[in-house]
PDB file of all heavy atoms in Angstrom:
ATOM      1  N   GLY A   1     -47.978  46.185  21.098  1.00  0.00           N
ATOM      2  CA  GLY A   1     -47.430  44.912  20.609  1.00  0.00           C
ATOM      3  C   GLY A   1     -48.506  43.843  20.497  1.00  0.00           C
ATOM      4  O   GLY A   1     -48.530  43.069  19.529  1.00  0.00           O
ATOM      5  N   ALA A   2     -49.402  43.802  21.466  1.00  0.00           N
ATOM      6  CA  ALA A   2     -50.490  42.827  21.422  1.00  0.00           C
ATOM      7  C   ALA A   2     -51.437  43.126  20.265  1.00  0.00           C
ATOM      8  O   ALA A   2     -51.870  42.216  19.544  1.00  0.00           O
ATOM      9  CB  ALA A   2     -51.256  42.826  22.746  1.00  0.00           C
ATOM     10  N   SER A   3     -51.731  44.398  20.057  1.00  0.00           N
ATOM     11  CA  SER A   3     -52.603  44.787  18.949  1.00  0.00           C
ATOM     12  C   SER A   3     -51.989  44.398  17.604  1.00  0.00           C
ATOM     13  O   SER A   3     -52.672  43.865  16.728  1.00  0.00           O
ATOM     14  CB  SER A   3     -52.858  46.298  19.007  1.00  0.00           C
ATOM     15  OG  SER A   3     -53.610  46.716  17.896  1.00  0.00           O
ATOM     16  N   THR A   4     -50.708  44.644  17.465  1.00  0.00           N
ATOM     17  CA  THR A   4     -50.016  44.287  16.218  1.00  0.00           C
ATOM     18  C   THR A   4     -50.037  42.780  16.004  1.00  0.00           C
ATOM     19  O   THR A   4     -50.295  42.303  14.894  1.00  0.00           O
ATOM     20  CB  THR A   4     -48.567  44.805  16.238  1.00  0.00           C
ATOM     21  OG1 THR A   4     -48.608  46.233  16.312  1.00  0.00           O
ATOM     22  CG2 THR A   4     -47.795  44.377  15.004  1.00  0.00           C
ATOM     23  N   ALA A   5     -49.759  42.016  17.066  1.00  0.00           N
ATOM     24  CA  ALA A   5     -49.756  40.552  16.954  1.00  0.00           C
ATOM     25  C   ALA A   5     -51.132  40.042  16.543  1.00  0.00           C
ATOM     26  O   ALA A   5     -51.247  39.144  15.694  1.00  0.00           O
ATOM     27  CB  ALA A   5     -49.312  39.928  18.271  1.00  0.00           C
ATOM     28  N   TRP A   6     -52.183  40.624  17.109  1.00  0.00           N
ATOM     29  CA  TRP A   6     -53.539  40.215  16.740  1.00  0.00           C
ATOM     30  C   TRP A   6     -53.845  40.583  15.291  1.00  0.00           C
ATOM     31  O   TRP A   6     -54.332  39.772  14.517  1.00  0.00           O
ATOM     32  CB  TRP A   6     -54.554  40.882  17.684  1.00  0.00           C
ATOM     33  CG  TRP A   6     -55.960  40.687  17.214  1.00  0.00           C
ATOM     34  CD1 TRP A   6     -56.714  39.565  17.319  1.00  0.00           C
ATOM     35  CD2 TRP A   6     -56.748  41.646  16.505  1.00  0.00           C
ATOM     36  NE1 TRP A   6     -57.940  39.771  16.739  1.00  0.00           N
ATOM     37  CE2 TRP A   6     -57.984  41.042  16.228  1.00  0.00           C
ATOM     38  CE3 TRP A   6     -56.531  42.966  16.087  1.00  0.00           C
ATOM     39  CZ2 TRP A   6     -59.000  41.704  15.555  1.00  0.00           C
ATOM     40  CZ3 TRP A   6     -57.546  43.621  15.422  1.00  0.00           C
ATOM     41  CH2 TRP A   6     -58.762  42.995  15.160  1.00  0.00           C
ATOM     42  N   ARG A   7     -53.532  41.841  14.942  1.00  0.00           N
ATOM     43  CA  ARG A   7     -53.843  42.336  13.599  1.00  0.00           C
ATOM     44  C   ARG A   7     -53.140  41.525  12.523  1.00  0.00           C
ATOM     45  O   ARG A   7     -53.714  41.241  11.469  1.00  0.00           O
ATOM     46  CB  ARG A   7     -53.434  43.807  13.502  1.00  0.00           C
ATOM     47  CG  ARG A   7     -53.845  44.507  12.233  1.00  0.00           C
ATOM     48  CD  ARG A   7     -53.577  46.008  12.279  1.00  0.00           C
ATOM     49  NE  ARG A   7     -52.360  46.427  12.953  1.00  0.00           N
ATOM     50  CZ  ARG A   7     -51.149  46.446  12.393  1.00  0.00           C
ATOM     51  NH1 ARG A   7     -50.992  46.054  11.153  1.00  0.00           N
ATOM     52  NH2 ARG A   7     -50.095  46.867  13.070  1.00  0.00           N
ATOM     53  N   LYS A   8     -51.903  41.130  12.799  1.00  0.00           N
ATOM     54  CA  LYS A   8     -51.118  40.381  11.813  1.00  0.00           C
ATOM     55  C   LYS A   8     -51.285  38.871  11.940  1.00  0.00           C
ATOM     56  O   LYS A   8     -50.690  38.127  11.170  1.00  0.00           O
ATOM     57  CB  LYS A   8     -49.647  40.751  11.944  1.00  0.00           C
ATOM     58  CG  LYS A   8     -49.355  42.182  11.546  1.00  0.00           C
ATOM     59  CD  LYS A   8     -47.875  42.477  11.602  1.00  0.00           C
ATOM     60  CE  LYS A   8     -47.587  43.882  11.078  1.00  0.00           C
ATOM     61  NZ  LYS A   8     -46.136  44.157  11.070  1.00  0.00           N
ATOM     62  N   GLY A   9     -52.082  38.438  12.910  1.00  0.00           N
ATOM     63  CA  GLY A   9     -52.289  37.003  13.096  1.00  0.00           C
ATOM     64  C   GLY A   9     -51.023  36.279  13.528  1.00  0.00           C
ATOM     65  O   GLY A   9     -50.818  35.130  13.144  1.00  0.00           O
ATOM     66  N   LEU A  10     -50.195  36.942  14.305  1.00  0.00           N
ATOM     67  CA  LEU A  10     -48.929  36.345  14.725  1.00  0.00           C
ATOM     68  C   LEU A  10     -49.148  35.285  15.807  1.00  0.00           C
ATOM     69  O   LEU A  10     -50.081  35.392  16.608  1.00  0.00           O
ATOM     70  CB  LEU A  10     -47.980  37.430  15.243  1.00  0.00           C
ATOM     71  CG  LEU A  10     -47.618  38.525  14.229  1.00  0.00           C
ATOM     72  CD1 LEU A  10     -46.742  39.587  14.888  1.00  0.00           C
ATOM     73  CD2 LEU A  10     -46.923  37.919  13.021  1.00  0.00           C
ATOM     74  N   PRO A  11     -48.289  34.289  15.842  1.00  0.00           N
ATOM     75  CA  PRO A  11     -48.468  33.203  16.818  1.00  0.00           C
ATOM     76  C   PRO A  11     -48.180  33.613  18.261  1.00  0.00           C
ATOM     77  O   PRO A  11     -48.538  32.878  19.180  1.00  0.00           O
ATOM     78  CB  PRO A  11     -47.462  32.146  16.347  1.00  0.00           C
ATOM     79  CG  PRO A  11     -46.432  32.898  15.587  1.00  0.00           C
ATOM     80  CD  PRO A  11     -47.159  34.050  14.948  1.00  0.00           C
ATOM     81  N   ASP A  12     -47.550  34.766  18.468  1.00  0.00           N
ATOM     82  CA  ASP A  12     -47.216  35.180  19.835  1.00  0.00           C
ATOM     83  C   ASP A  12     -48.248  36.125  20.451  1.00  0.00           C
ATOM     84  O   ASP A  12     -47.960  36.783  21.447  1.00  0.00           O
ATOM     85  CB  ASP A  12     -45.822  35.801  19.884  1.00  0.00           C
ATOM     86  CG  ASP A  12     -45.717  37.095  19.093  1.00  0.00           C
ATOM     87  OD1 ASP A  12     -46.577  37.336  18.212  1.00  0.00           O
ATOM     88  OD2 ASP A  12     -44.780  37.868  19.350  1.00  0.00           O
ATOM     89  N   PHE A  13     -49.451  36.146  19.905  1.00  0.00           N
ATOM     90  CA  PHE A  13     -50.496  37.014  20.446  1.00  0.00           C
ATOM     91  C   PHE A  13     -50.747  36.732  21.926  1.00  0.00           C
ATOM     92  O   PHE A  13     -50.829  37.657  22.743  1.00  0.00           O
ATOM     93  CB  PHE A  13     -51.787  36.863  19.633  1.00  0.00           C
ATOM     94  CG  PHE A  13     -52.947  37.638  20.174  1.00  0.00           C
ATOM     95  CD1 PHE A  13     -52.873  39.007  20.363  1.00  0.00           C
ATOM     96  CD2 PHE A  13     -54.130  36.996  20.499  1.00  0.00           C
ATOM     97  CE1 PHE A  13     -53.948  39.734  20.861  1.00  0.00           C
ATOM     98  CE2 PHE A  13     -55.209  37.713  21.000  1.00  0.00           C
ATOM     99  CZ  PHE A  13     -55.118  39.072  21.187  1.00  0.00           C
ATOM    100  N   GLY A  14     -50.842  35.468  22.302  1.00  0.00           N
ATOM    101  CA  GLY A  14     -51.061  35.110  23.704  1.00  0.00           C
ATOM    102  C   GLY A  14     -49.937  35.602  24.593  1.00  0.00           C
ATOM    103  O   GLY A  14     -50.170  36.098  25.701  1.00  0.00           O
ATOM    104  N   GLU A  15     -48.717  35.492  24.123  1.00  0.00           N
ATOM    105  CA  GLU A  15     -47.568  35.974  24.874  1.00  0.00           C
ATOM    106  C   GLU A  15     -47.629  37.490  25.051  1.00  0.00           C
ATOM    107  O   GLU A  15     -47.297  38.019  26.116  1.00  0.00           O
ATOM    108  CB  GLU A  15     -46.278  35.576  24.163  1.00  0.00           C
ATOM    109  CG  GLU A  15     -45.024  35.946  24.890  1.00  0.00           C
ATOM    110  CD  GLU A  15     -43.769  35.436  24.193  1.00  0.00           C
ATOM    111  OE1 GLU A  15     -43.822  34.371  23.560  1.00  0.00           O
ATOM    112  OE2 GLU A  15     -42.748  36.137  24.295  1.00  0.00           O
ATOM    113  N   GLU A  16     -48.056  38.182  24.015  1.00  0.00           N
ATOM    114  CA  GLU A  16     -48.193  39.633  24.102  1.00  0.00           C
ATOM    115  C   GLU A  16     -49.264  40.022  25.115  1.00  0.00           C
ATOM    116  O   GLU A  16     -49.102  40.973  25.878  1.00  0.00           O
ATOM    117  CB  GLU A  16     -48.491  40.228  22.731  1.00  0.00           C
ATOM    118  CG  GLU A  16     -47.368  40.080  21.721  1.00  0.00           C
ATOM    119  CD  GLU A  16     -46.115  40.872  22.090  1.00  0.00           C
ATOM    120  OE1 GLU A  16     -46.200  41.826  22.897  1.00  0.00           O
ATOM    121  OE2 GLU A  16     -45.043  40.534  21.563  1.00  0.00           O
ATOM    122  N   LEU A  17     -50.368  39.284  25.132  1.00  0.00           N
ATOM    123  CA  LEU A  17     -51.401  39.546  26.136  1.00  0.00           C
ATOM    124  C   LEU A  17     -50.869  39.288  27.542  1.00  0.00           C
ATOM    125  O   LEU A  17     -51.192  40.021  28.483  1.00  0.00           O
ATOM    126  CB  LEU A  17     -52.635  38.676  25.885  1.00  0.00           C
ATOM    127  CG  LEU A  17     -53.534  39.075  24.723  1.00  0.00           C
ATOM    128  CD1 LEU A  17     -54.682  38.086  24.588  1.00  0.00           C
ATOM    129  CD2 LEU A  17     -54.065  40.490  24.888  1.00  0.00           C
ATOM    130  N   ALA A  18     -50.042  38.251  27.683  1.00  0.00           N
ATOM    131  CA  ALA A  18     -49.430  37.965  28.985  1.00  0.00           C
ATOM    132  C   ALA A  18     -48.559  39.134  29.429  1.00  0.00           C
ATOM    133  O   ALA A  18     -48.566  39.506  30.616  1.00  0.00           O
ATOM    134  CB  ALA A  18     -48.618  36.677  28.918  1.00  0.00           C
ATOM    135  N   ASP A  19     -47.815  39.730  28.502  1.00  0.00           N
ATOM    136  CA  ASP A  19     -46.998  40.899  28.835  1.00  0.00           C
ATOM    137  C   ASP A  19     -47.870  42.035  29.365  1.00  0.00           C
ATOM    138  O   ASP A  19     -47.520  42.695  30.352  1.00  0.00           O
ATOM    139  CB  ASP A  19     -46.213  41.389  27.617  1.00  0.00           C
ATOM    140  CG  ASP A  19     -45.033  40.510  27.273  1.00  0.00           C
ATOM    141  OD1 ASP A  19     -44.552  39.767  28.155  1.00  0.00           O
ATOM    142  OD2 ASP A  19     -44.574  40.571  26.111  1.00  0.00           O
ATOM    143  N   VAL A  20     -49.012  42.263  28.734  1.00  0.00           N
ATOM    144  CA  VAL A  20     -49.932  43.311  29.184  1.00  0.00           C
ATOM    145  C   VAL A  20     -50.381  43.014  30.615  1.00  0.00           C
ATOM    146  O   VAL A  20     -50.353  43.897  31.482  1.00  0.00           O
ATOM    147  CB  VAL A  20     -51.144  43.427  28.232  1.00  0.00           C
ATOM    148  CG1 VAL A  20     -52.219  44.331  28.815  1.00  0.00           C
ATOM    149  CG2 VAL A  20     -50.693  43.930  26.857  1.00  0.00           C
ATOM    150  N   ALA A  21     -50.772  41.783  30.871  1.00  0.00           N
ATOM    151  CA  ALA A  21     -51.229  41.405  32.207  1.00  0.00           C
ATOM    152  C   ALA A  21     -50.117  41.586  33.243  1.00  0.00           C
ATOM    153  O   ALA A  21     -50.372  42.044  34.364  1.00  0.00           O
ATOM    154  CB  ALA A  21     -51.723  39.956  32.209  1.00  0.00           C
ATOM    155  N   ILE A  22     -48.895  41.268  32.879  1.00  0.00           N
ATOM    156  CA  ILE A  22     -47.763  41.422  33.795  1.00  0.00           C
ATOM    157  C   ILE A  22     -47.561  42.887  34.158  1.00  0.00           C
ATOM    158  O   ILE A  22     -47.347  43.227  35.330  1.00  0.00           O
ATOM    159  CB  ILE A  22     -46.491  40.795  33.190  1.00  0.00           C
ATOM    160  CG1 ILE A  22     -46.624  39.266  33.202  1.00  0.00           C
ATOM    161  CG2 ILE A  22     -45.248  41.242  33.930  1.00  0.00           C
ATOM    162  CD1 ILE A  22     -45.598  38.549  32.351  1.00  0.00           C
ATOM    163  N   TYR A  23     -47.644  43.768  33.175  1.00  0.00           N
ATOM    164  CA  TYR A  23     -47.481  45.199  33.465  1.00  0.00           C
ATOM    165  C   TYR A  23     -48.630  45.739  34.307  1.00  0.00           C
ATOM    166  O   TYR A  23     -48.414  46.552  35.208  1.00  0.00           O
ATOM    167  CB  TYR A  23     -47.312  46.011  32.176  1.00  0.00           C
ATOM    168  CG  TYR A  23     -45.881  46.016  31.707  1.00  0.00           C
ATOM    169  CD1 TYR A  23     -45.428  45.092  30.781  1.00  0.00           C
ATOM    170  CD2 TYR A  23     -44.964  46.927  32.217  1.00  0.00           C
ATOM    171  CE1 TYR A  23     -44.103  45.079  30.374  1.00  0.00           C
ATOM    172  CE2 TYR A  23     -43.637  46.925  31.818  1.00  0.00           C
ATOM    173  CZ  TYR A  23     -43.214  45.993  30.889  1.00  0.00           C
ATOM    174  OH  TYR A  23     -41.905  45.974  30.499  1.00  0.00           O
ATOM    175  N   VAL A  24     -49.845  45.300  34.054  1.00  0.00           N
ATOM    176  CA  VAL A  24     -50.986  45.739  34.867  1.00  0.00           C
ATOM    177  C   VAL A  24     -50.803  45.258  36.302  1.00  0.00           C
ATOM    178  O   VAL A  24     -51.030  46.010  37.260  1.00  0.00           O
ATOM    179  CB  VAL A  24     -52.315  45.239  34.262  1.00  0.00           C
ATOM    180  CG1 VAL A  24     -53.469  45.441  35.234  1.00  0.00           C
ATOM    181  CG2 VAL A  24     -52.598  45.940  32.949  1.00  0.00           C
ATOM    182  N   THR A  25     -50.371  44.018  36.455  1.00  0.00           N
ATOM    183  CA  THR A  25     -50.122  43.471  37.784  1.00  0.00           C
ATOM    184  C   THR A  25     -49.044  44.268  38.506  1.00  0.00           C
ATOM    185  O   THR A  25     -49.160  44.552  39.708  1.00  0.00           O
ATOM    186  CB  THR A  25     -49.719  41.989  37.677  1.00  0.00           C
ATOM    187  OG1 THR A  25     -50.774  41.277  37.020  1.00  0.00           O
ATOM    188  CG2 THR A  25     -49.483  41.369  39.026  1.00  0.00           C
ATOM    189  N   ALA A  26     -47.988  44.639  37.790  1.00  0.00           N
ATOM    190  CA  ALA A  26     -46.909  45.428  38.391  1.00  0.00           C
ATOM    191  C   ALA A  26     -47.419  46.794  38.843  1.00  0.00           C
ATOM    192  O   ALA A  26     -47.055  47.261  39.930  1.00  0.00           O
ATOM    193  CB  ALA A  26     -45.754  45.591  37.408  1.00  0.00           C
ATOM    194  N   LEU A  27     -48.257  47.427  38.037  1.00  0.00           N
ATOM    195  CA  LEU A  27     -48.824  48.716  38.432  1.00  0.00           C
ATOM    196  C   LEU A  27     -49.643  48.583  39.715  1.00  0.00           C
ATOM    197  O   LEU A  27     -49.548  49.428  40.610  1.00  0.00           O
ATOM    198  CB  LEU A  27     -49.699  49.281  37.316  1.00  0.00           C
ATOM    199  CG  LEU A  27     -48.955  50.039  36.232  1.00  0.00           C
ATOM    200  CD1 LEU A  27     -49.840  50.231  35.018  1.00  0.00           C
ATOM    201  CD2 LEU A  27     -48.479  51.382  36.772  1.00  0.00           C
ATOM    202  N   ALA A  28     -50.436  47.536  39.803  1.00  0.00           N
ATOM    203  CA  ALA A  28     -51.223  47.321  41.015  1.00  0.00           C
ATOM    204  C   ALA A  28     -50.301  47.137  42.214  1.00  0.00           C
ATOM    205  O   ALA A  28     -50.539  47.719  43.286  1.00  0.00           O
ATOM    206  CB  ALA A  28     -52.133  46.102  40.845  1.00  0.00           C
ATOM    207  N   GLU A  29     -49.240  46.368  42.057  1.00  0.00           N
ATOM    208  CA  GLU A  29     -48.286  46.150  43.143  1.00  0.00           C
ATOM    209  C   GLU A  29     -47.620  47.458  43.552  1.00  0.00           C
ATOM    210  O   GLU A  29     -47.486  47.755  44.737  1.00  0.00           O
ATOM    211  CB  GLU A  29     -47.232  45.127  42.704  1.00  0.00           C
ATOM    212  CG  GLU A  29     -46.251  44.757  43.779  1.00  0.00           C
ATOM    213  CD  GLU A  29     -46.839  43.887  44.880  1.00  0.00           C
ATOM    214  OE1 GLU A  29     -47.839  43.186  44.637  1.00  0.00           O
ATOM    215  OE2 GLU A  29     -46.292  43.922  45.994  1.00  0.00           O
TER     216      GLU A  29
END
């Protein structure tokens, strides 16, 4: 989703990156 948002220049790219960080954080937990 983050890759698609970046590729398409979508305004929610930052939000998509936040989702990635949240999942990585959850895996660590």
